[in-house]
């Protein structure tokens, strides 16, 4: 039974690593096209977004109007991010 014990006080096993992709204005604001992000197991895409805004405060500019995609499918901010998921940050596209 010893192997079944989980340590939930910040041990690495309670973290998941996802890939975040930035498009258009989000890429401009972060100067990145992609990055790895570690979040607590059970985190929602909204939680991931909050972490990203802390790292890149400029993202606040588009936070209210961006679209999120999880593993290439549009998603809501309540979706749970799992290990090796891919979260895309897609700002509104403007142009003519």
N, C-alpha and C. Protein backbone atom coordinates (compact mmCIF):
# COMPACT_ATOMS: atom_id res chain seq x y z
N UNK A 1 0.81 -1.20 0.00
CA UNK A 1 0.00 0.00 0.00
C UNK A 1 0.85 1.26 0.00
N UNK A 2 2.12 1.13 0.36
CA UNK A 2 2.94 2.32 0.48
C UNK A 2 3.04 3.07 -0.85
N UNK A 3 3.06 2.36 -1.97
CA UNK A 3 3.15 2.99 -3.28
C UNK A 3 1.90 3.78 -3.65
N UNK A 4 0.79 3.57 -2.94
CA UNK A 4 -0.46 4.25 -3.26
C UNK A 4 -0.59 5.60 -2.55
N UNK A 5 0.36 5.94 -1.71
CA UNK A 5 0.26 7.18 -0.96
C UNK A 5 0.61 8.35 -1.88
N UNK A 6 -0.25 9.35 -1.88
CA UNK A 6 0.00 10.54 -2.69
C UNK A 6 0.33 11.71 -1.79
N UNK A 7 1.31 12.46 -2.17
CA UNK A 7 1.70 13.65 -1.43
C UNK A 7 1.19 14.86 -2.19
N UNK A 8 0.17 15.52 -1.68
CA UNK A 8 -0.48 16.62 -2.40
C UNK A 8 0.08 17.99 -2.03
N UNK A 9 1.12 18.06 -1.22
CA UNK A 9 1.59 19.37 -0.79
C UNK A 9 2.72 19.89 -1.69
N UNK A 10 2.42 19.97 -2.99
CA UNK A 10 3.37 20.59 -3.90
C UNK A 10 4.37 19.63 -4.50
N UNK A 11 4.19 18.35 -4.31
CA UNK A 11 5.15 17.42 -4.91
C UNK A 11 4.91 17.36 -6.42
N UNK A 12 5.94 17.04 -7.16
CA UNK A 12 5.91 17.12 -8.62
C UNK A 12 4.83 16.26 -9.26
N UNK A 13 4.41 15.18 -8.61
CA UNK A 13 3.42 14.30 -9.22
C UNK A 13 2.05 14.96 -9.33
N UNK A 14 1.84 16.07 -8.63
CA UNK A 14 0.55 16.74 -8.71
C UNK A 14 0.56 17.86 -9.75
N UNK A 15 1.63 17.90 -10.57
CA UNK A 15 1.72 18.89 -11.64
C UNK A 15 1.57 18.21 -12.99
N UNK A 16 0.99 18.93 -13.94
CA UNK A 16 0.94 18.45 -15.31
C UNK A 16 1.62 19.49 -16.19
N UNK A 17 2.24 19.04 -17.25
CA UNK A 17 2.92 19.94 -18.17
C UNK A 17 2.13 19.97 -19.47
N UNK A 18 1.80 21.17 -19.91
CA UNK A 18 1.09 21.33 -21.17
C UNK A 18 1.91 22.22 -22.10
N UNK A 19 1.59 22.18 -23.37
CA UNK A 19 2.22 23.08 -24.34
C UNK A 19 1.21 24.18 -24.65
N UNK A 20 1.68 25.42 -24.60
CA UNK A 20 0.83 26.57 -24.93
C UNK A 20 1.31 27.15 -26.25
N UNK A 21 0.37 27.37 -27.16
CA UNK A 21 0.67 27.97 -28.46
C UNK A 21 0.07 29.37 -28.50
N UNK A 22 0.83 30.33 -28.98
CA UNK A 22 0.36 31.71 -29.08
C UNK A 22 0.23 32.09 -30.56
N UNK A 23 -0.90 32.69 -30.90
CA UNK A 23 -1.13 33.11 -32.28
C UNK A 23 -1.36 34.61 -32.35
N UNK A 24 -1.02 35.19 -33.52
CA UNK A 24 -1.31 36.59 -33.85
C UNK A 24 -0.90 37.54 -32.73
N UNK A 25 -1.84 38.34 -32.22
CA UNK A 25 -1.53 39.35 -31.19
C UNK A 25 -0.96 38.71 -29.92
N UNK A 26 -1.41 37.53 -29.56
CA UNK A 26 -0.88 36.84 -28.37
C UNK A 26 0.60 36.55 -28.56
N UNK A 27 0.98 36.16 -29.77
CA UNK A 27 2.40 35.92 -30.07
C UNK A 27 3.19 37.23 -29.97
N UNK A 28 2.60 38.32 -30.46
CA UNK A 28 3.26 39.62 -30.37
C UNK A 28 3.47 40.04 -28.91
N UNK A 29 2.46 39.81 -28.09
CA UNK A 29 2.50 40.26 -26.68
C UNK A 29 3.48 39.45 -25.83
N UNK A 30 3.68 38.18 -26.19
CA UNK A 30 4.56 37.32 -25.40
C UNK A 30 5.95 37.16 -26.02
N UNK A 31 6.06 37.51 -27.30
CA UNK A 31 7.29 37.28 -28.08
C UNK A 31 7.62 35.80 -28.19
N UNK A 32 6.61 34.96 -28.04
CA UNK A 32 6.78 33.51 -28.14
C UNK A 32 5.72 32.93 -29.06
N UNK A 33 6.07 31.85 -29.75
CA UNK A 33 5.04 31.15 -30.51
C UNK A 33 4.54 29.94 -29.72
N UNK A 34 5.38 29.45 -28.80
CA UNK A 34 4.95 28.35 -27.93
C UNK A 34 5.83 28.29 -26.69
N UNK A 35 5.32 27.62 -25.67
CA UNK A 35 6.07 27.42 -24.44
C UNK A 35 5.47 26.25 -23.67
N UNK A 36 6.22 25.71 -22.72
CA UNK A 36 5.70 24.70 -21.80
C UNK A 36 5.20 25.41 -20.56
N UNK A 37 4.14 24.88 -19.98
CA UNK A 37 3.58 25.45 -18.76
C UNK A 37 3.24 24.31 -17.81
N UNK A 38 3.71 24.42 -16.57
CA UNK A 38 3.36 23.43 -15.54
C UNK A 38 2.27 24.02 -14.67
N UNK A 39 1.19 23.26 -14.51
CA UNK A 39 0.08 23.68 -13.67
C UNK A 39 -0.32 22.53 -12.77
N UNK A 40 -1.06 22.82 -11.73
CA UNK A 40 -1.53 21.78 -10.81
C UNK A 40 -2.46 20.83 -11.53
N UNK A 41 -2.38 19.58 -11.19
CA UNK A 41 -3.29 18.58 -11.74
C UNK A 41 -4.73 19.01 -11.46
N UNK A 42 -5.59 18.91 -12.45
CA UNK A 42 -6.99 19.31 -12.28
C UNK A 42 -7.24 20.77 -12.64
N UNK A 43 -6.20 21.49 -13.08
CA UNK A 43 -6.37 22.90 -13.46
C UNK A 43 -7.24 23.01 -14.72
N UNK A 44 -8.03 24.07 -14.74
CA UNK A 44 -8.84 24.34 -15.93
C UNK A 44 -8.04 25.20 -16.90
N UNK A 45 -8.56 25.35 -18.11
CA UNK A 45 -7.90 26.23 -19.07
C UNK A 45 -7.92 27.67 -18.54
N UNK A 46 -8.94 28.01 -17.76
CA UNK A 46 -8.99 29.35 -17.14
C UNK A 46 -7.83 29.53 -16.17
N UNK A 47 -7.53 28.50 -15.38
CA UNK A 47 -6.39 28.55 -14.46
C UNK A 47 -5.09 28.73 -15.24
N UNK A 48 -4.96 28.02 -16.35
CA UNK A 48 -3.76 28.14 -17.19
C UNK A 48 -3.64 29.57 -17.70
N UNK A 49 -4.75 30.12 -18.14
CA UNK A 49 -4.77 31.48 -18.66
C UNK A 49 -4.36 32.49 -17.59
N UNK A 50 -4.85 32.29 -16.36
CA UNK A 50 -4.47 33.17 -15.25
C UNK A 50 -2.96 33.12 -15.03
N UNK A 51 -2.38 31.92 -15.07
CA UNK A 51 -0.93 31.77 -14.92
C UNK A 51 -0.19 32.51 -16.02
N UNK A 52 -0.71 32.43 -17.24
CA UNK A 52 -0.06 33.08 -18.38
C UNK A 52 -0.12 34.61 -18.26
N UNK A 53 -1.25 35.12 -17.77
CA UNK A 53 -1.38 36.58 -17.61
C UNK A 53 -0.42 37.08 -16.53
N UNK A 54 -0.17 36.27 -15.51
CA UNK A 54 0.81 36.65 -14.49
C UNK A 54 2.21 36.72 -15.12
N UNK A 55 2.55 35.73 -15.95
CA UNK A 55 3.85 35.70 -16.62
C UNK A 55 3.97 36.78 -17.69
N UNK A 56 2.86 37.03 -18.38
CA UNK A 56 2.85 37.99 -19.51
C UNK A 56 1.68 38.96 -19.32
N UNK A 57 1.86 39.99 -18.49
CA UNK A 57 0.77 40.92 -18.18
C UNK A 57 0.14 41.56 -19.42
N UNK A 58 0.88 41.66 -20.52
CA UNK A 58 0.35 42.23 -21.74
C UNK A 58 -0.84 41.46 -22.29
N UNK A 59 -0.96 40.18 -21.95
CA UNK A 59 -2.08 39.36 -22.43
C UNK A 59 -3.42 39.86 -21.91
N UNK A 60 -3.39 40.63 -20.82
CA UNK A 60 -4.63 41.17 -20.27
C UNK A 60 -5.39 41.98 -21.33
N UNK A 61 -4.63 42.61 -22.22
CA UNK A 61 -5.20 43.43 -23.29
C UNK A 61 -6.22 42.66 -24.14
N UNK A 62 -5.98 41.36 -24.35
CA UNK A 62 -6.86 40.57 -25.22
C UNK A 62 -7.62 39.48 -24.45
N UNK A 63 -7.45 39.45 -23.15
CA UNK A 63 -8.01 38.35 -22.34
C UNK A 63 -9.53 38.19 -22.52
N UNK A 64 -10.25 39.32 -22.61
CA UNK A 64 -11.70 39.23 -22.69
C UNK A 64 -12.25 38.79 -24.04
N UNK A 65 -11.40 38.76 -25.06
CA UNK A 65 -11.93 38.44 -26.39
C UNK A 65 -11.19 37.32 -27.10
N UNK A 66 -10.29 36.65 -26.42
CA UNK A 66 -9.56 35.56 -27.07
C UNK A 66 -10.37 34.26 -27.05
N UNK A 67 -10.01 33.39 -27.97
CA UNK A 67 -10.62 32.07 -28.05
C UNK A 67 -9.56 31.06 -27.63
N UNK A 68 -9.98 30.02 -26.91
CA UNK A 68 -9.06 28.97 -26.49
C UNK A 68 -9.35 27.68 -27.25
N UNK A 69 -8.30 26.97 -27.59
CA UNK A 69 -8.45 25.65 -28.21
C UNK A 69 -7.60 24.67 -27.41
N UNK A 70 -8.17 23.53 -27.09
CA UNK A 70 -7.46 22.49 -26.37
C UNK A 70 -7.35 21.29 -27.30
N UNK A 71 -6.12 20.92 -27.62
CA UNK A 71 -5.87 19.82 -28.54
C UNK A 71 -6.60 20.01 -29.87
N UNK A 72 -6.47 21.23 -30.41
CA UNK A 72 -7.00 21.60 -31.72
C UNK A 72 -8.52 21.64 -31.81
N UNK A 73 -9.20 21.73 -30.65
CA UNK A 73 -10.65 21.89 -30.66
C UNK A 73 -11.00 23.07 -29.77
N UNK A 74 -11.87 23.94 -30.28
CA UNK A 74 -12.30 25.08 -29.46
C UNK A 74 -12.86 24.57 -28.15
N UNK A 75 -12.59 25.31 -27.08
CA UNK A 75 -12.98 24.85 -25.75
C UNK A 75 -13.44 26.02 -24.89
N UNK A 76 -13.95 25.70 -23.71
CA UNK A 76 -14.35 26.71 -22.75
C UNK A 76 -13.27 26.84 -21.69
N UNK A 77 -13.39 27.86 -20.86
CA UNK A 77 -12.39 28.07 -19.81
C UNK A 77 -12.57 27.09 -18.65
N UNK A 78 -13.59 26.24 -18.71
CA UNK A 78 -13.79 25.28 -17.62
C UNK A 78 -13.24 23.89 -17.96
N UNK A 79 -12.69 23.72 -19.15
CA UNK A 79 -12.11 22.43 -19.54
C UNK A 79 -10.87 22.15 -18.69
N UNK A 80 -10.65 20.89 -18.34
CA UNK A 80 -9.50 20.49 -17.54
C UNK A 80 -8.31 20.20 -18.46
N UNK A 81 -7.18 20.80 -18.14
CA UNK A 81 -5.95 20.55 -18.90
C UNK A 81 -5.25 19.32 -18.33
N UNK A 82 -4.88 18.42 -19.21
CA UNK A 82 -4.22 17.18 -18.79
C UNK A 82 -2.79 17.14 -19.31
N UNK A 83 -1.99 16.26 -18.74
CA UNK A 83 -0.59 16.10 -19.15
C UNK A 83 -0.47 16.00 -20.67
N UNK A 84 0.46 16.77 -21.22
CA UNK A 84 0.79 16.80 -22.65
C UNK A 84 -0.31 17.40 -23.53
N UNK A 85 -1.32 18.02 -22.94
CA UNK A 85 -2.32 18.72 -23.75
C UNK A 85 -1.68 19.92 -24.42
N UNK A 86 -2.35 20.41 -25.46
CA UNK A 86 -1.89 21.57 -26.19
C UNK A 86 -2.98 22.64 -26.12
N UNK A 87 -2.65 23.76 -25.51
CA UNK A 87 -3.59 24.87 -25.35
C UNK A 87 -3.19 25.99 -26.29
N UNK A 88 -4.11 26.37 -27.18
CA UNK A 88 -3.84 27.47 -28.12
C UNK A 88 -4.56 28.72 -27.66
N UNK A 89 -3.86 29.84 -27.67
CA UNK A 89 -4.42 31.14 -27.33
C UNK A 89 -4.62 31.87 -28.66
N UNK A 90 -5.88 32.10 -29.02
CA UNK A 90 -6.21 32.68 -30.33
C UNK A 90 -6.95 33.98 -30.14
N UNK A 91 -6.27 35.09 -30.40
CA UNK A 91 -6.92 36.38 -30.27
C UNK A 91 -7.87 36.61 -31.45
N UNK A 92 -8.73 37.64 -31.33
CA UNK A 92 -9.60 37.95 -32.45
C UNK A 92 -8.74 38.37 -33.65
N UNK A 93 -9.14 37.94 -34.81
CA UNK A 93 -8.39 38.27 -36.03
C UNK A 93 -9.08 39.47 -36.67
N UNK A 94 -8.30 40.49 -36.95
CA UNK A 94 -8.87 41.66 -37.60
C UNK A 94 -8.15 41.87 -38.92
N UNK A 95 -8.76 42.60 -39.77
CA UNK A 95 -8.14 42.87 -41.06
C UNK A 95 -9.20 43.07 -42.11
N UNK A 96 -8.78 43.29 -43.30
CA UNK A 96 -9.76 43.58 -44.32
C UNK A 96 -9.55 42.92 -45.58
